[in-house]
């Protein structure tokens, strides 16, 4: 621990000027956020011409009917147009909020709220909670029209929306209430760790955040998600038998197998697993079950179990801890920096003793360019894991010594194509756009890779047979 603290002290020394020297942090944030926004706009403009292609890639030519491909192109172009307008709109709103000092205003309003409840400014944690929810509520209002348009115009136009206005409002209110119910104790604990640990908060705060993450792994699917969707045990039948048989052969600690009513809100489909290392749960969307054959759904689950087999969730968690550490390691330089708060319109009395939550929020906002780069790196790691999971599914025949798995690669390819066709997913994707936005390889890339994996399996099988002879 001493070595860690000594190293952090050295790093903080390079940023000591932040706490003393005036700097136009507001201008820096405006320029950096607009830089990221314009970069994302350029990526969208690179993607736009691909929606004019009149035929799918050669590898998909036999799988997309002309009318289906045309629909997917129109849907993709409509989504890209919406993303372009929404991105610029959000950036303008954020810039106005920054320019007119929304963060400082929210801190003042938070103080007024707790004053009416009988608390003074010495109750920093209470005011921080009031501040956080005031800022969240005000900043989320401008995005509501975008959510309404996306749900009831864009998705409705292309036949995917199943959400009623009543359900939309109910979901919104539920999400706000859940955010308050979880956010209040989280912020209280977060700030208490800061106050208790002092300048040596980094390892303790990381432990707190990791504990929270692991708690959410259990709470979200078991407590939160059932408030929005119904999870029912997957009925007995061929699909259940296939999945339970596969899980048993791989020694996957399957505890529950659920079907979720995803069709309640959308026609899009998915499948995933969650849980602690010794107790896993698999969830399959009812839309996926309706759209695919049992053997193809099994292939999708074989891919998902590949993530478990190669410990991808654990590896991603480890990478996220490195990311969190890098953020927290630099924060002490910004924690007690009056010039930072003065740059964002805080009065001298507040800036002289910066509230922890305010300093941390402003610090995170300044990291916008850094987070954009981290996003690209995380996408690259995620795509690598997707390829590995696809390869795992192809190699199940060899791993389990089961000839019934010999066509798993073909089944997975068929399932991926069906998912893209049913979801009208874009099949022409600019590589730069994909690197920045997509955590999964494109369908063309995955199908090409699957052909290679199947060829490798066949070659290894042939070599093994020759050795036996």
Protein backbone atom coordinates (compact mmCIF):
# COMPACT_ATOMS: atom_id res chain seq x y z
CA UNK A 1 0.00 0.00 0.00
CA UNK A 2 2.87 2.38 0.81
CA UNK A 3 4.39 1.83 -2.64
CA UNK A 4 1.03 2.57 -4.24
CA UNK A 5 0.58 5.78 -2.28
CA UNK A 6 4.14 6.88 -3.03
CA UNK A 7 3.57 6.32 -6.74
CA UNK A 8 0.31 8.24 -6.67
CA UNK A 9 2.03 11.12 -4.87
CA UNK A 10 4.53 11.36 -7.72
CA UNK A 11 1.73 11.48 -10.29
CA UNK A 12 -0.16 14.13 -8.32
CA UNK A 13 2.99 16.25 -8.24
CA UNK A 14 2.81 16.70 -12.00
CA UNK A 15 -0.69 18.12 -11.68
CA UNK A 16 -0.15 20.31 -8.62
CA UNK A 17 -0.74 23.40 -10.77
CA UNK A 18 -4.43 22.46 -11.12
CA UNK A 19 -5.07 23.46 -7.50
CA UNK A 20 -3.34 26.85 -7.77
CA UNK A 21 -3.12 28.19 -11.33
CA UNK A 22 -6.11 29.80 -13.10
CA UNK A 23 -7.11 27.98 -16.27
CA UNK A 24 -10.13 28.31 -18.56
CA UNK A 25 -11.50 24.84 -17.88
CA UNK A 26 -14.90 25.77 -19.25
CA UNK A 27 -13.38 26.61 -22.65
CA UNK A 28 -11.37 23.39 -22.55
CA UNK A 29 -14.52 21.38 -21.91
CA UNK A 30 -16.45 23.16 -24.65
CA UNK A 31 -13.69 22.59 -27.22
CA UNK A 32 -13.05 18.95 -26.24
CA UNK A 33 -16.73 17.98 -26.14
CA UNK A 34 -17.39 19.66 -29.48
CA UNK A 35 -14.29 17.94 -30.85
CA UNK A 36 -15.68 14.53 -29.87
CA UNK A 37 -19.13 15.46 -31.23
CA UNK A 38 -17.74 16.59 -34.59
CA UNK A 39 -15.58 13.46 -34.80
CA UNK A 40 -18.67 11.30 -34.25
CA UNK A 41 -20.50 13.36 -36.87
CA UNK A 42 -17.70 12.71 -39.38
CA UNK A 43 -17.97 8.98 -38.69
CA UNK A 44 -21.70 9.12 -39.38
CA UNK A 45 -21.08 10.97 -42.63
CA UNK A 46 -18.65 8.21 -43.63
CA UNK A 47 -21.39 5.66 -42.95
CA UNK A 48 -24.17 7.45 -44.85
CA UNK A 49 -23.11 6.57 -48.45
CA UNK A 50 -23.26 2.85 -47.59
CA UNK A 51 -27.03 3.09 -47.14
CA UNK A 52 -27.27 3.76 -50.88
CA UNK A 53 -25.87 0.34 -51.80
CA UNK A 54 -28.49 -1.64 -53.68
CA UNK A 55 -27.28 -5.16 -52.83
CA UNK A 56 -25.87 -6.84 -49.71
CA UNK A 57 -22.25 -8.05 -49.48
CA UNK A 58 -21.58 -11.12 -51.61
CA UNK A 59 -21.40 -13.44 -48.59
CA UNK A 60 -24.98 -12.43 -47.70
CA UNK A 61 -26.47 -12.30 -51.18
CA UNK A 62 -28.30 -15.63 -50.78
CA UNK A 63 -29.72 -14.78 -47.37
CA UNK A 64 -31.35 -11.38 -47.88
CA UNK A 65 -34.41 -11.02 -50.07
CA UNK A 66 -34.27 -7.80 -52.12
CA UNK A 67 -37.20 -6.26 -50.27
CA UNK A 68 -35.74 -7.18 -46.85
CA UNK A 69 -32.37 -5.70 -47.73
CA UNK A 70 -34.04 -2.52 -48.95
CA UNK A 71 -35.95 -2.26 -45.66
CA UNK A 72 -32.74 -2.71 -43.66
CA UNK A 73 -31.04 0.04 -45.67
CA UNK A 74 -33.93 2.45 -45.11
CA UNK A 75 -34.05 1.58 -41.40
CA UNK A 76 -30.31 2.04 -41.07
CA UNK A 77 -30.41 5.40 -42.85
CA UNK A 78 -33.29 6.60 -40.68
CA UNK A 79 -31.42 5.60 -37.51
CA UNK A 80 -28.25 7.29 -38.73
CA UNK A 81 -30.15 10.48 -39.56
CA UNK A 82 -31.74 10.44 -36.12
CA UNK A 83 -28.33 9.84 -34.48
CA UNK A 84 -26.81 12.73 -36.41
CA UNK A 85 -29.54 15.19 -35.43
CA UNK A 86 -29.82 13.90 -31.85
CA UNK A 87 -26.05 14.05 -31.35
CA UNK A 88 -25.82 17.67 -32.49
CA UNK A 89 -28.92 18.61 -30.52
CA UNK A 90 -27.56 17.08 -27.31
CA UNK A 91 -24.21 18.78 -27.82
CA UNK A 92 -25.86 22.19 -28.26
CA UNK A 93 -27.94 21.63 -25.11
CA UNK A 94 -24.87 20.50 -23.13
CA UNK A 95 -22.90 23.52 -24.35
CA UNK A 96 -25.67 25.86 -23.22
CA UNK A 97 -25.80 24.13 -19.83
CA UNK A 98 -22.03 24.53 -19.45
CA UNK A 99 -22.05 28.15 -20.63
CA UNK A 100 -24.84 29.21 -18.28
CA UNK A 101 -23.48 27.31 -15.26
CA UNK A 102 -26.01 24.52 -14.75
CA UNK A 103 -23.70 22.64 -12.37
CA UNK A 104 -23.26 25.65 -10.08
CA UNK A 105 -27.00 26.40 -10.25
CA UNK A 106 -27.84 22.78 -9.32
CA UNK A 107 -25.56 22.99 -6.27
CA UNK A 108 -27.34 26.16 -5.16
CA UNK A 109 -30.77 24.58 -5.67
CA UNK A 110 -29.63 21.48 -3.76
CA UNK A 111 -28.73 23.74 -0.86
CA UNK A 112 -32.15 25.38 -0.93
CA UNK A 113 -33.87 21.99 -0.96
CA UNK A 114 -32.07 20.70 2.12
CA UNK A 115 -32.53 24.06 3.87
CA UNK A 116 -36.29 23.54 3.63
CA UNK A 117 -35.74 20.16 5.28
CA UNK A 118 -33.81 21.74 8.12
CA UNK A 119 -30.25 20.94 6.98
CA UNK A 120 -27.45 23.46 6.58
CA UNK A 121 -24.41 23.58 4.24
CA UNK A 122 -22.38 21.61 6.79
CA UNK A 123 -24.34 18.52 5.68
CA UNK A 124 -22.31 18.11 2.51
CA UNK A 125 -23.42 14.53 1.77
CA UNK A 126 -27.11 15.46 2.03
CA UNK A 127 -26.63 18.49 -0.22
CA UNK A 128 -24.60 16.36 -2.65
CA UNK A 129 -27.50 13.93 -3.03
CA UNK A 130 -29.96 16.78 -3.60
CA UNK A 131 -27.53 18.34 -6.08
CA UNK A 132 -27.02 15.09 -8.02
CA UNK A 133 -30.74 14.46 -8.51
CA UNK A 134 -31.48 18.09 -9.36
CA UNK A 135 -28.78 18.04 -12.03
CA UNK A 136 -29.96 14.67 -13.36
CA UNK A 137 -33.60 15.74 -13.58
CA UNK A 138 -32.93 19.08 -15.29
CA UNK A 139 -30.35 17.70 -17.73
CA UNK A 140 -32.56 14.74 -18.69
CA UNK A 141 -35.61 16.83 -19.65
CA UNK A 142 -34.28 18.01 -23.06
CA UNK A 143 -33.69 14.40 -24.14
CA UNK A 144 -37.29 13.31 -23.48
CA UNK A 145 -38.57 14.50 -26.91
CA UNK A 146 -35.80 12.45 -28.55
CA UNK A 147 -36.84 9.34 -26.62
CA UNK A 148 -40.47 9.85 -27.60
CA UNK A 149 -39.57 10.32 -31.27
CA UNK A 150 -37.24 7.31 -31.34
CA UNK A 151 -39.85 5.04 -29.74
CA UNK A 152 -43.11 6.20 -31.28
CA UNK A 153 -41.94 7.47 -34.67
CA UNK A 154 -38.68 5.81 -35.72
CA UNK A 155 -39.19 2.34 -34.24
CA UNK A 156 -42.93 2.46 -34.93
CA UNK A 157 -42.32 3.30 -38.60
CA UNK A 158 -40.23 0.16 -39.07
CA UNK A 159 -42.51 -2.15 -37.10
CA UNK A 160 -40.37 -2.72 -34.00
CA UNK A 161 -42.11 -0.64 -31.34
CA UNK A 162 -44.50 -2.45 -28.99
CA UNK A 163 -44.39 0.18 -26.22
CA UNK A 164 -47.62 1.99 -25.45
CA UNK A 165 -47.61 5.63 -24.23
CA UNK A 166 -48.75 4.42 -20.81
CA UNK A 167 -45.93 1.87 -20.63
CA UNK A 168 -43.42 4.52 -21.76
CA UNK A 169 -44.44 6.88 -18.94
CA UNK A 170 -44.54 4.05 -16.42
CA UNK A 171 -41.06 2.89 -17.41
CA UNK A 172 -39.74 6.44 -17.15
CA UNK A 173 -41.16 6.97 -13.67
CA UNK A 174 -39.95 3.55 -12.52
CA UNK A 175 -36.43 4.25 -13.78
CA UNK A 176 -36.35 7.59 -11.93
CA UNK A 177 -37.59 6.00 -8.70
CA UNK A 178 -35.10 3.14 -8.97
CA UNK A 179 -32.32 5.63 -9.70
CA UNK A 180 -33.24 7.51 -6.54
CA UNK A 181 -33.55 4.33 -4.46
CA UNK A 182 -30.14 3.03 -5.57
CA UNK A 183 -28.40 6.34 -6.14
CA UNK A 184 -29.04 7.75 -2.69
CA UNK A 185 -27.23 5.05 -0.67
CA UNK A 186 -24.59 4.73 -3.40
CA UNK A 187 -23.71 8.44 -3.29
CA UNK A 188 -23.80 8.42 0.51
CA UNK A 189 -21.42 5.46 0.62
CA UNK A 190 -19.22 6.91 -2.13
CA UNK A 191 -18.77 10.22 -0.31
CA UNK A 192 -18.39 8.55 3.08
CA UNK A 193 -15.42 6.55 1.76
CA UNK A 194 -13.85 9.78 0.54
CA UNK A 195 -14.33 11.45 3.91
CA UNK A 196 -13.08 8.42 5.88
CA UNK A 197 -10.04 7.55 3.74
CA UNK A 198 -8.76 11.08 3.20
CA UNK A 199 -6.05 11.51 0.56
CA UNK A 200 -5.49 7.72 0.44
CA UNK A 201 -8.97 6.99 -0.88
CA UNK A 202 -8.02 5.28 -4.18
CA UNK A 203 -7.77 1.60 -3.08
CA UNK A 204 -10.70 1.93 -0.67
CA UNK A 205 -12.94 3.57 -3.23
CA UNK A 206 -12.03 0.93 -5.79
CA UNK A 207 -13.07 -1.74 -3.29
CA UNK A 208 -16.35 0.08 -2.70
CA UNK A 209 -17.08 0.40 -6.44
CA UNK A 210 -16.22 -3.25 -7.07
CA UNK A 211 -18.56 -4.31 -4.27
CA UNK A 212 -21.30 -2.18 -5.80
CA UNK A 213 -20.70 -3.67 -9.26
CA UNK A 214 -20.92 -7.22 -7.92
CA UNK A 215 -24.06 -6.35 -5.97
CA UNK A 216 -25.70 -5.03 -9.14
CA UNK A 217 -24.84 -8.28 -10.93
CA UNK A 218 -27.23 -9.96 -8.50
CA UNK A 219 -29.76 -7.17 -7.94
CA UNK A 220 -30.41 -6.04 -11.51
CA UNK A 221 -31.72 -9.31 -12.99
CA UNK A 222 -33.42 -10.50 -9.82
CA UNK A 223 -34.92 -7.28 -8.45
CA UNK A 224 -34.77 -4.47 -11.01
CA UNK A 225 -35.44 -6.15 -14.34
CA UNK A 226 -38.60 -7.96 -13.13
CA UNK A 227 -40.08 -4.51 -12.51
CA UNK A 228 -39.98 -3.95 -16.27
CA UNK A 229 -40.18 -7.43 -17.79
CA UNK A 230 -41.63 -10.78 -16.82
CA UNK A 231 -39.12 -13.62 -16.49
CA UNK A 232 -40.74 -17.04 -16.71
CA UNK A 233 -39.12 -20.48 -16.54
CA UNK A 234 -38.47 -21.72 -20.07
CA UNK A 235 -41.14 -24.36 -20.80
CA UNK A 236 -40.20 -28.00 -21.07
CA UNK A 237 -39.43 -29.03 -24.61
CA UNK A 238 -36.69 -29.45 -27.19
CA UNK A 239 -35.08 -26.04 -26.60
CA UNK A 240 -34.87 -26.46 -22.84
CA UNK A 241 -33.46 -29.99 -23.21
CA UNK A 242 -30.83 -28.81 -25.67
CA UNK A 243 -29.66 -25.93 -23.47
CA UNK A 244 -29.63 -27.95 -20.25
CA UNK A 245 -27.74 -30.74 -22.02
CA UNK A 246 -25.13 -28.33 -23.37
CA UNK A 247 -24.72 -26.61 -20.00
CA UNK A 248 -24.30 -29.98 -18.29
CA UNK A 249 -21.65 -31.15 -20.76
CA UNK A 250 -19.66 -27.92 -20.26
CA UNK A 251 -20.19 -28.00 -16.48
CA UNK A 252 -21.79 -24.57 -16.71
CA UNK A 253 -23.36 -23.87 -13.26
CA UNK A 254 -26.87 -23.28 -14.63
CA UNK A 255 -29.39 -22.59 -11.91
CA UNK A 256 -32.32 -21.07 -13.81
CA UNK A 257 -33.34 -20.90 -17.46
CA UNK A 258 -35.70 -18.02 -18.23
CA UNK A 259 -37.79 -16.71 -21.08
CA UNK A 260 -38.28 -12.93 -20.98
CA UNK A 261 -41.17 -11.06 -22.58
CA UNK A 262 -39.00 -8.74 -24.69
CA UNK A 263 -41.86 -8.48 -27.19
CA UNK A 264 -43.68 -6.34 -24.62
CA UNK A 265 -41.62 -3.37 -25.81
CA UNK A 266 -39.84 -4.32 -29.02
CA UNK A 267 -39.52 -6.93 -31.75
CA UNK A 268 -35.74 -7.02 -31.37
CA UNK A 269 -34.27 -10.20 -29.88
CA UNK A 270 -31.36 -11.27 -27.71
CA UNK A 271 -30.06 -13.83 -25.19
CA UNK A 272 -27.61 -13.54 -22.31
CA UNK A 273 -26.49 -15.05 -19.01
CA UNK A 274 -25.79 -13.49 -15.61
CA UNK A 275 -24.94 -14.45 -12.07
CA UNK A 276 -22.11 -15.22 -9.71
CA UNK A 277 -19.39 -17.77 -10.60
CA UNK A 278 -21.16 -20.63 -8.81
CA UNK A 279 -24.73 -19.76 -9.86
CA UNK A 280 -25.61 -18.72 -13.41
CA UNK A 281 -28.93 -17.86 -15.05
CA UNK A 282 -29.70 -17.83 -18.77
CA UNK A 283 -32.29 -15.46 -20.23
CA UNK A 284 -33.74 -15.85 -23.74
CA UNK A 285 -36.00 -13.28 -25.37
CA UNK A 286 -39.36 -14.63 -26.48
CA UNK A 287 -38.77 -12.91 -29.83
CA UNK A 288 -35.63 -15.01 -30.39
CA UNK A 289 -37.54 -18.21 -29.59
CA UNK A 290 -40.25 -17.29 -32.09
CA UNK A 291 -37.81 -16.24 -34.83
CA UNK A 292 -35.36 -19.17 -34.67
CA UNK A 293 -35.37 -22.95 -34.55
CA UNK A 294 -34.36 -24.65 -31.26
CA UNK A 295 -31.06 -25.88 -32.73
CA UNK A 296 -30.19 -22.34 -33.86
CA UNK A 297 -31.05 -20.87 -30.46
CA UNK A 298 -28.79 -23.54 -28.96
CA UNK A 299 -25.99 -22.25 -31.20
CA UNK A 300 -26.55 -18.71 -29.92
CA UNK A 301 -26.31 -20.02 -26.36
CA UNK A 302 -23.18 -21.99 -27.28
CA UNK A 303 -21.63 -18.67 -28.26
CA UNK A 304 -22.73 -17.11 -24.96
CA UNK A 305 -21.28 -20.05 -23.02
CA UNK A 306 -18.04 -19.44 -24.90
CA UNK A 307 -17.84 -16.10 -23.09
CA UNK A 308 -18.18 -17.96 -19.81
CA UNK A 309 -15.68 -20.66 -20.79
CA UNK A 310 -13.00 -18.10 -21.63
CA UNK A 311 -13.89 -15.94 -18.59
CA UNK A 312 -14.65 -12.91 -20.75
CA UNK A 313 -16.91 -11.20 -18.16
CA UNK A 314 -14.15 -11.54 -15.55
CA UNK A 315 -11.55 -10.20 -17.97
CA UNK A 316 -13.75 -7.24 -18.89
CA UNK A 317 -14.29 -6.58 -15.19
CA UNK A 318 -10.52 -6.57 -14.69
CA UNK A 319 -10.04 -4.13 -17.57
CA UNK A 320 -12.75 -1.90 -16.11
CA UNK A 321 -10.89 -1.89 -12.79
CA UNK A 322 -7.77 -0.63 -14.55
CA UNK A 323 -9.90 2.06 -16.17
CA UNK A 324 -11.42 3.07 -12.85
CA UNK A 325 -7.99 3.11 -11.20
CA UNK A 326 -6.60 5.43 -13.89
CA UNK A 327 -9.50 7.83 -13.29
CA UNK A 328 -9.27 7.79 -9.51
CA UNK A 329 -5.47 8.01 -9.53
CA UNK A 330 -5.54 11.49 -11.10
CA UNK A 331 -8.57 12.81 -9.26
CA UNK A 332 -6.78 14.04 -6.09
CA UNK A 333 -5.16 16.76 -8.20
CA UNK A 334 -8.65 18.07 -9.01
CA UNK A 335 -10.25 17.35 -5.64
CA UNK A 336 -9.10 20.54 -3.94
CA UNK A 337 -8.81 22.90 -6.89
CA UNK A 338 -10.63 26.21 -6.35
CA UNK A 339 -9.69 27.45 -9.86
CA UNK A 340 -11.61 24.52 -11.34
CA UNK A 341 -14.87 25.45 -9.61
CA UNK A 342 -14.39 29.17 -10.26
CA UNK A 343 -14.06 28.36 -13.97
CA UNK A 344 -17.56 26.83 -13.83
CA UNK A 345 -19.23 29.81 -12.14
CA UNK A 346 -19.18 28.65 -8.52
CA UNK A 347 -19.10 31.46 -5.96
CA UNK A 348 -15.77 32.01 -4.15
CA UNK A 349 -17.15 30.66 -0.86
CA UNK A 350 -17.98 27.28 -2.43
CA UNK A 351 -14.88 27.18 -4.65
CA UNK A 352 -12.60 27.76 -1.67
CA UNK A 353 -13.65 24.41 -0.24
CA UNK A 354 -14.78 22.31 -3.24
CA UNK A 355 -17.52 19.76 -2.51
CA UNK A 356 -16.25 16.29 -3.41
CA UNK A 357 -19.19 15.39 -5.63
CA UNK A 358 -18.88 18.62 -7.61
CA UNK A 359 -15.14 18.25 -8.12
CA UNK A 360 -15.57 14.64 -9.23
CA UNK A 361 -18.37 15.49 -11.67
CA UNK A 362 -16.40 18.33 -13.26
CA UNK A 363 -13.32 16.10 -13.44
CA UNK A 364 -15.31 13.40 -15.24
CA UNK A 365 -16.66 15.96 -17.70
CA UNK A 366 -13.10 17.05 -18.50
CA UNK A 367 -12.21 13.43 -19.31
CA UNK A 368 -14.53 13.40 -22.37
CA UNK A 369 -11.72 12.94 -24.96
CA UNK A 370 -10.03 10.30 -22.80
CA UNK A 371 -13.28 8.35 -22.44
CA UNK A 372 -13.77 8.40 -26.22
CA UNK A 373 -10.38 6.73 -26.67
CA UNK A 374 -11.14 4.23 -23.90
CA UNK A 375 -14.38 3.37 -25.68
CA UNK A 376 -12.48 2.45 -28.84
CA UNK A 377 -10.11 0.24 -26.85
CA UNK A 378 -12.98 -1.47 -25.01
CA UNK A 379 -14.76 -2.12 -28.31
CA UNK A 380 -11.60 -3.72 -29.72
CA UNK A 381 -11.32 -6.01 -26.69
CA UNK A 382 -15.01 -6.87 -26.87
CA UNK A 383 -14.80 -7.74 -30.58
CA UNK A 384 -11.83 -10.01 -29.89
CA UNK A 385 -13.91 -11.82 -27.27
CA UNK A 386 -16.81 -12.16 -29.72
CA UNK A 387 -14.54 -13.89 -32.22
CA UNK A 388 -13.28 -16.22 -29.48
CA UNK A 389 -16.84 -17.11 -28.46
CA UNK A 390 -17.75 -17.85 -32.08
CA UNK A 391 -14.69 -20.07 -32.41
CA UNK A 392 -15.64 -21.84 -29.19
CA UNK A 393 -19.04 -22.73 -30.65
CA UNK A 394 -17.40 -24.11 -33.80
CA UNK A 395 -14.99 -26.23 -31.77
CA UNK A 396 -17.61 -27.77 -29.46
CA UNK A 397 -17.58 -30.97 -31.50
CA UNK A 398 -13.90 -31.44 -30.65
CA UNK A 399 -14.11 -30.18 -27.07
CA UNK A 400 -17.04 -32.44 -26.16
CA UNK A 401 -16.24 -35.30 -28.54
CA UNK A 402 -19.84 -35.09 -29.76
CA UNK A 403 -20.63 -35.51 -33.45
CA UNK A 404 -24.02 -33.90 -32.90
CA UNK A 405 -22.13 -30.61 -32.50
CA UNK A 406 -20.40 -30.93 -35.87
CA UNK A 407 -22.74 -28.43 -37.53
CA UNK A 408 -22.63 -25.88 -34.68
CA UNK A 409 -20.74 -23.39 -36.83
CA UNK A 410 -23.38 -23.62 -39.56
CA UNK A 411 -26.16 -23.26 -37.01
CA UNK A 412 -24.54 -20.21 -35.44
CA UNK A 413 -24.09 -18.61 -38.85
CA UNK A 414 -27.73 -19.31 -39.65
CA UNK A 415 -28.84 -17.83 -36.34
CA UNK A 416 -26.73 -14.68 -36.80
CA UNK A 417 -28.16 -14.14 -40.27
CA UNK A 418 -31.70 -14.66 -38.99
CA UNK A 419 -31.13 -12.15 -36.18
CA UNK A 420 -29.86 -9.56 -38.62
CA UNK A 421 -32.71 -10.17 -41.05
CA UNK A 422 -35.41 -10.00 -38.36
CA UNK A 423 -33.85 -6.92 -36.73
CA UNK A 424 -33.18 -5.24 -40.11
CA UNK A 425 -29.60 -4.70 -38.96
CA UNK A 426 -27.20 -2.81 -41.20
CA UNK A 427 -24.88 -5.11 -43.15
CA UNK A 428 -22.76 -2.43 -44.83
CA UNK A 429 -20.63 -0.79 -42.14
CA UNK A 430 -17.73 1.65 -42.45
CA UNK A 431 -14.68 0.24 -40.58
CA UNK A 432 -13.95 3.50 -38.73
CA UNK A 433 -17.57 3.86 -37.71
CA UNK A 434 -17.63 0.25 -36.54
CA UNK A 435 -14.39 0.59 -34.54
CA UNK A 436 -15.81 3.55 -32.64
CA UNK A 437 -19.42 2.44 -32.11
CA UNK A 438 -19.61 -1.36 -32.27
CA UNK A 439 -18.69 -3.84 -29.55
CA UNK A 440 -19.34 -6.74 -31.97
CA UNK A 441 -17.78 -7.50 -35.36
CA UNK A 442 -20.02 -6.93 -38.36
CA UNK A 443 -22.06 -9.84 -39.67
CA UNK A 444 -19.83 -10.15 -42.74
CA UNK A 445 -16.71 -10.28 -40.56
CA UNK A 446 -18.21 -12.92 -38.29
CA UNK A 447 -19.40 -15.14 -41.13
CA UNK A 448 -15.98 -14.94 -42.79
CA UNK A 449 -14.32 -15.85 -39.49
CA UNK A 450 -16.76 -18.73 -38.93
CA UNK A 451 -15.79 -20.22 -42.30
CA UNK A 452 -12.16 -20.11 -41.20
CA UNK A 453 -12.93 -21.73 -37.85
CA UNK A 454 -14.92 -24.51 -39.51
CA UNK A 455 -12.08 -25.14 -41.95
CA UNK A 456 -9.60 -25.36 -39.05
CA UNK A 457 -11.82 -27.85 -37.21
CA UNK A 458 -12.15 -30.00 -40.34
CA UNK A 459 -8.40 -29.90 -40.92
CA UNK A 460 -7.63 -30.91 -37.32
CA UNK A 461 -10.22 -33.70 -37.56
CA UNK A 462 -8.63 -35.03 -40.75
CA UNK A 463 -5.16 -34.99 -39.20
CA UNK A 464 -6.49 -36.86 -36.17
CA UNK A 465 -8.10 -39.51 -38.36
CA UNK A 466 -4.87 -40.01 -40.34
CA UNK A 467 -2.91 -40.48 -37.10
CA UNK A 468 -5.38 -43.15 -36.01
CA UNK A 469 -4.80 -45.00 -39.30
